[in-house]
Amino acid sequence: MTDPILSLKDASLSLNGNAGRVDILHSVTLDIEKGETLGLIGPSGSGKSSLLMLMGGLERATGGTIMALGQDLTKMDEDALARFRRDHMGVVFQSFHLIPTMTAIENVATPLELAGARDAFDRAAAELETVGLASRANHYPAQMSGGEQQRVALARASAPRPHILLADEPTGNLDEANGSAIMDLLFGLRDAHGATLVLVTHSNELAGRCDRVIRLRDGHIAPEAARKAAE
């Protein structure tokens, strides 16, 4: 048996707010296998997005360990985490997070350039064609619809061929038709490149496309999900 590509052991997250300490995640233990698609569901405030951020090293765990590709994210400094994400992870957010002063092709090429790819723009152009936006390569985010911007974000996340794709409510700002198209693209990119996909969603229908679904409740993995994970 191979080691899981992502492994959380007693991972906890607490933040200090105006009203004092807030416990967001409580001793979450979870293994995710290479090539698996995992859906994270649960009500607002249950900790779904926070758990995804811990997996990507975008939030610091306040307890426990988080292993990704055999490396302990909890022991890395910010520079090391940034390099690890650059080399191994793609992240897609609900709000696109495109750089507004860059065209679509520049947004997609930037992470490739940072990774030292000499053919960054050729690869970016090919990725935009894959998501159906070859004709929009030289447009800026403000000149594109929400669905088009999310396609650019998907192209940017998948272009470096990451081992792990993390998607946080990628259809949350889109209408039903665009949301369905984005999910088809996301799963298609995952299938084409063999990445492990972790998807946060409020939609049971979207979660049902995953190999496994974990339900969070009040910062804990719900008992029924924990049982399924252990089977």
Protein backbone atom coordinates (compact mmCIF):
# COMPACT_ATOMS: atom_id res chain seq x y z
CA MET A 1 0.00 0.00 0.00
CA THR A 2 1.33 3.43 -0.92
CA ASP A 3 1.38 6.32 1.52
CA PRO A 4 -1.52 8.80 1.20
CA ILE A 5 -0.78 11.90 -0.85
CA LEU A 6 -2.36 14.02 1.93
CA SER A 7 -2.52 13.00 5.56
CA LEU A 8 -3.87 15.01 8.47
CA LYS A 9 -3.34 13.80 12.03
CA ASP A 10 -5.21 15.58 14.82
CA ALA A 11 -5.12 18.81 12.78
CA SER A 12 -6.63 21.76 14.64
CA LEU A 13 -7.11 25.43 13.84
CA SER A 14 -7.87 28.22 16.28
CA LEU A 15 -7.86 31.93 15.54
CA ASN A 16 -7.89 34.96 17.83
CA GLY A 17 -10.76 37.35 17.11
CA ASN A 18 -12.22 40.42 18.79
CA ALA A 19 -14.31 38.19 21.03
CA GLY A 20 -11.34 36.01 21.93
CA ARG A 21 -10.11 32.64 20.75
CA VAL A 22 -12.26 30.83 18.19
CA ASP A 23 -11.79 27.09 17.64
CA ILE A 24 -12.50 26.34 13.98
CA LEU A 25 -11.21 22.77 13.46
CA HIS A 26 -10.89 20.13 16.16
CA SER A 27 -8.37 17.26 15.85
CA VAL A 28 -9.21 16.30 12.26
CA THR A 29 -7.61 13.04 11.13
CA LEU A 30 -7.95 12.21 7.45
CA ASP A 31 -6.00 10.38 4.72
CA ILE A 32 -6.44 11.13 1.01
CA GLU A 33 -5.04 8.72 -1.55
CA LYS A 34 -3.19 9.60 -4.74
CA GLY A 35 -5.64 10.18 -7.59
CA GLU A 36 -8.68 10.31 -5.30
CA THR A 37 -11.43 12.89 -5.64
CA LEU A 38 -12.76 14.01 -2.25
CA GLY A 39 -15.76 16.24 -1.64
CA LEU A 40 -15.95 18.33 1.53
CA ILE A 41 -19.51 19.32 2.43
CA GLY A 42 -21.29 20.78 5.43
CA PRO A 43 -23.18 23.89 6.53
CA SER A 44 -21.65 27.36 6.45
CA GLY A 45 -19.17 27.76 9.30
CA SER A 46 -18.51 24.04 9.60
CA GLY A 47 -14.83 24.43 8.68
CA LYS A 48 -14.79 23.17 5.08
CA SER A 49 -12.79 26.01 3.58
CA SER A 50 -10.51 26.20 6.60
CA LEU A 51 -9.70 22.51 6.23
CA LEU A 52 -8.88 23.05 2.55
CA MET A 53 -6.63 25.98 3.47
CA LEU A 54 -4.74 23.79 5.95
CA MET A 55 -4.20 21.18 3.22
CA GLY A 56 -2.71 23.86 0.98
CA GLY A 57 -0.57 25.46 3.66
CA LEU A 58 -2.58 28.66 3.28
CA GLU A 59 -3.52 28.53 6.96
CA ARG A 60 -1.23 27.42 9.77
CA ALA A 61 -2.47 24.52 11.86
CA THR A 62 -2.41 25.33 15.58
CA GLY A 63 -2.19 21.64 16.43
CA GLY A 64 -1.43 18.29 14.83
CA THR A 65 0.43 17.52 11.61
CA ILE A 66 -0.33 17.86 7.90
CA MET A 67 1.69 15.73 5.50
CA ALA A 68 1.60 16.29 1.73
CA LEU A 69 3.64 14.11 -0.63
CA GLY A 70 5.58 12.89 2.40
CA GLN A 71 6.53 16.38 3.58
CA ASP A 72 5.36 17.99 6.81
CA LEU A 73 3.68 21.29 5.95
CA THR A 74 3.51 22.28 9.61
CA LYS A 75 7.30 22.50 9.76
CA MET A 76 7.75 24.69 6.67
CA ASP A 77 8.21 28.45 6.76
CA GLU A 78 6.19 30.69 4.42
CA ASP A 79 8.80 30.66 1.65
CA ALA A 80 9.03 26.87 1.71
CA LEU A 81 5.23 26.57 1.65
CA ALA A 82 5.04 28.93 -1.34
CA ARG A 83 7.61 26.85 -3.22
CA PHE A 84 5.79 23.64 -2.34
CA ARG A 85 2.48 24.99 -3.64
CA ARG A 86 4.19 26.27 -6.79
CA ASP A 87 5.70 22.87 -7.52
CA HIS A 88 2.94 20.53 -6.39
CA MET A 89 -0.46 22.22 -5.92
CA GLY A 90 -3.08 24.07 -7.90
CA VAL A 91 -5.71 26.10 -6.05
CA VAL A 92 -9.02 27.35 -7.43
CA PHE A 93 -11.02 29.86 -5.39
CA GLN A 94 -14.64 30.98 -5.54
CA SER A 95 -13.57 34.57 -6.29
CA PHE A 96 -11.18 33.73 -9.17
CA HIS A 97 -8.20 35.75 -7.76
CA LEU A 98 -6.93 36.71 -11.19
CA ILE A 99 -4.42 39.56 -11.44
CA PRO A 100 -6.51 42.39 -12.93
CA THR A 101 -3.60 44.11 -14.71
CA MET A 102 -2.65 40.93 -16.58
CA THR A 103 -4.30 39.38 -19.60
CA ALA A 104 -5.69 35.85 -19.49
CA ILE A 105 -2.56 34.35 -21.02
CA GLU A 106 -0.32 36.33 -18.65
CA ASN A 107 -2.32 35.12 -15.64
CA VAL A 108 -1.92 31.50 -16.76
CA ALA A 109 1.75 31.87 -17.70
CA THR A 110 2.85 33.56 -14.46
CA PRO A 111 3.08 30.43 -12.24
CA LEU A 112 4.85 28.60 -15.07
CA GLU A 113 7.40 31.43 -15.35
CA LEU A 114 7.92 31.40 -11.59
CA ALA A 115 8.63 27.68 -11.84
CA GLY A 116 11.28 28.38 -14.50
CA ALA A 117 9.40 27.07 -17.55
CA ARG A 118 10.93 28.48 -20.72
CA ASP A 119 7.82 27.66 -22.74
CA ALA A 120 5.45 29.29 -20.24
CA PHE A 121 3.43 31.24 -22.81
CA ASP A 122 3.14 28.31 -25.21
CA ARG A 123 1.85 26.11 -22.40
CA ALA A 124 -0.48 28.86 -21.20
CA ALA A 125 -1.91 29.23 -24.70
CA ALA A 126 -2.50 25.47 -24.93
CA GLU A 127 -4.22 25.46 -21.53
CA LEU A 128 -6.51 28.32 -22.51
CA GLU A 129 -7.45 26.40 -25.64
CA THR A 130 -8.28 23.38 -23.47
CA VAL A 131 -10.79 25.44 -21.45
CA GLY A 132 -12.22 27.01 -24.60
CA LEU A 133 -10.69 30.47 -24.25
CA ALA A 134 -8.06 30.64 -26.97
CA SER A 135 -9.82 33.67 -28.46
CA ARG A 136 -9.78 35.49 -25.12
CA ALA A 137 -6.07 35.10 -24.40
CA ASN A 138 -5.33 38.82 -24.65
CA HIS A 139 -8.36 40.00 -22.71
CA TYR A 140 -8.15 41.33 -19.16
CA PRO A 141 -10.31 39.90 -16.35
CA ALA A 142 -12.60 42.94 -16.39
CA GLN A 143 -13.35 42.21 -20.04
CA MET A 144 -14.52 38.66 -19.30
CA SER A 145 -17.63 37.15 -17.71
CA GLY A 146 -17.50 35.35 -14.38
CA GLY A 147 -17.58 31.98 -16.11
CA GLU A 148 -14.71 32.97 -18.38
CA GLN A 149 -12.67 34.25 -15.44
CA GLN A 150 -13.13 30.96 -13.62
CA ARG A 151 -12.01 29.10 -16.74
CA VAL A 152 -8.83 31.18 -16.71
CA ALA A 153 -8.40 30.35 -13.03
CA LEU A 154 -8.77 26.64 -13.82
CA ALA A 155 -6.25 26.91 -16.64
CA ARG A 156 -3.80 28.68 -14.30
CA ALA A 157 -4.21 26.02 -11.61
CA SER A 158 -3.81 23.06 -13.98
CA ALA A 159 -1.09 24.40 -16.30
CA PRO A 160 1.83 23.41 -14.00
CA ARG A 161 0.40 19.84 -13.83
CA PRO A 162 0.03 19.79 -10.02
CA HIS A 163 -0.12 16.59 -8.02
CA ILE A 164 -2.93 18.08 -5.90
CA LEU A 165 -5.84 20.29 -6.99
CA LEU A 166 -7.71 22.16 -4.26
CA ALA A 167 -11.00 23.83 -5.23
CA ASP A 168 -12.93 26.04 -2.80
CA GLU A 169 -16.54 26.52 -3.97
CA PRO A 170 -15.39 27.00 -7.59
CA THR A 171 -18.98 27.45 -8.81
CA GLY A 172 -20.16 29.66 -5.94
CA ASN A 173 -20.20 32.90 -7.96
CA LEU A 174 -21.61 31.39 -11.15
CA ASP A 175 -25.07 30.66 -12.50
CA GLU A 176 -26.18 27.06 -12.90
CA ALA A 177 -25.15 26.69 -16.54
CA ASN A 178 -21.68 28.18 -16.04
CA GLY A 179 -21.24 26.27 -12.78
CA SER A 180 -22.01 22.97 -14.48
CA ALA A 181 -19.57 23.77 -17.30
CA ILE A 182 -16.82 24.66 -14.81
CA MET A 183 -17.31 21.40 -12.91
CA ASP A 184 -17.13 19.40 -16.14
CA LEU A 185 -13.86 21.17 -16.95
CA LEU A 186 -12.48 20.66 -13.45
CA PHE A 187 -13.15 16.93 -13.42
CA GLY A 188 -11.96 16.68 -17.02
CA LEU A 189 -8.64 18.33 -16.17
CA ARG A 190 -8.31 16.10 -13.14
CA ASP A 191 -8.97 12.98 -15.26
CA ALA A 192 -6.58 14.11 -17.99
CA HIS A 193 -3.67 14.80 -15.67
CA GLY A 194 -4.29 12.36 -12.81
CA ALA A 195 -4.22 14.94 -10.04
CA THR A 196 -5.76 14.33 -6.63
CA LEU A 197 -8.79 16.63 -6.28
CA VAL A 198 -10.23 18.01 -3.04
CA LEU A 199 -13.43 19.96 -3.61
CA VAL A 200 -15.33 22.16 -1.15
CA THR A 201 -18.96 22.58 -2.17
CA HIS A 202 -22.45 23.21 -0.79
CA SER A 203 -23.89 21.06 -3.57
CA ASN A 204 -24.61 17.42 -2.79
CA GLU A 205 -24.91 16.84 -6.54
CA LEU A 206 -21.37 18.10 -7.19
CA ALA A 207 -20.01 16.24 -4.18
CA GLY A 208 -21.64 13.09 -5.51
CA ARG A 209 -19.27 13.17 -8.49
CA CYS A 210 -16.35 12.57 -6.10
CA ASP A 211 -14.99 9.17 -5.10
CA ARG A 212 -15.64 9.97 -1.45
CA VAL A 213 -17.52 12.62 0.51
CA ILE A 214 -16.60 13.96 3.95
CA ARG A 215 -19.18 15.97 5.89
CA LEU A 216 -17.97 18.51 8.42
CA ARG A 217 -20.02 19.73 11.35
CA ASP A 218 -18.80 22.31 13.89
CA GLY A 219 -15.15 21.73 12.97
CA HIS A 220 -15.37 17.94 13.24
CA ILE A 221 -15.71 15.18 10.66
CA ALA A 222 -19.28 13.94 11.09
CA PRO A 223 -19.43 10.41 12.56
CA GLU A 224 -21.05 8.88 9.47
CA ALA A 225 -18.26 10.29 7.29
CA ALA A 226 -15.63 9.06 9.70
CA ARG A 227 -17.06 5.55 9.50
CA LYS A 228 -17.05 5.61 5.70
CA ALA A 229 -13.48 6.87 5.66
CA ALA A 230 -12.40 4.00 7.87
CA GLU A 231 -14.06 1.28 5.77
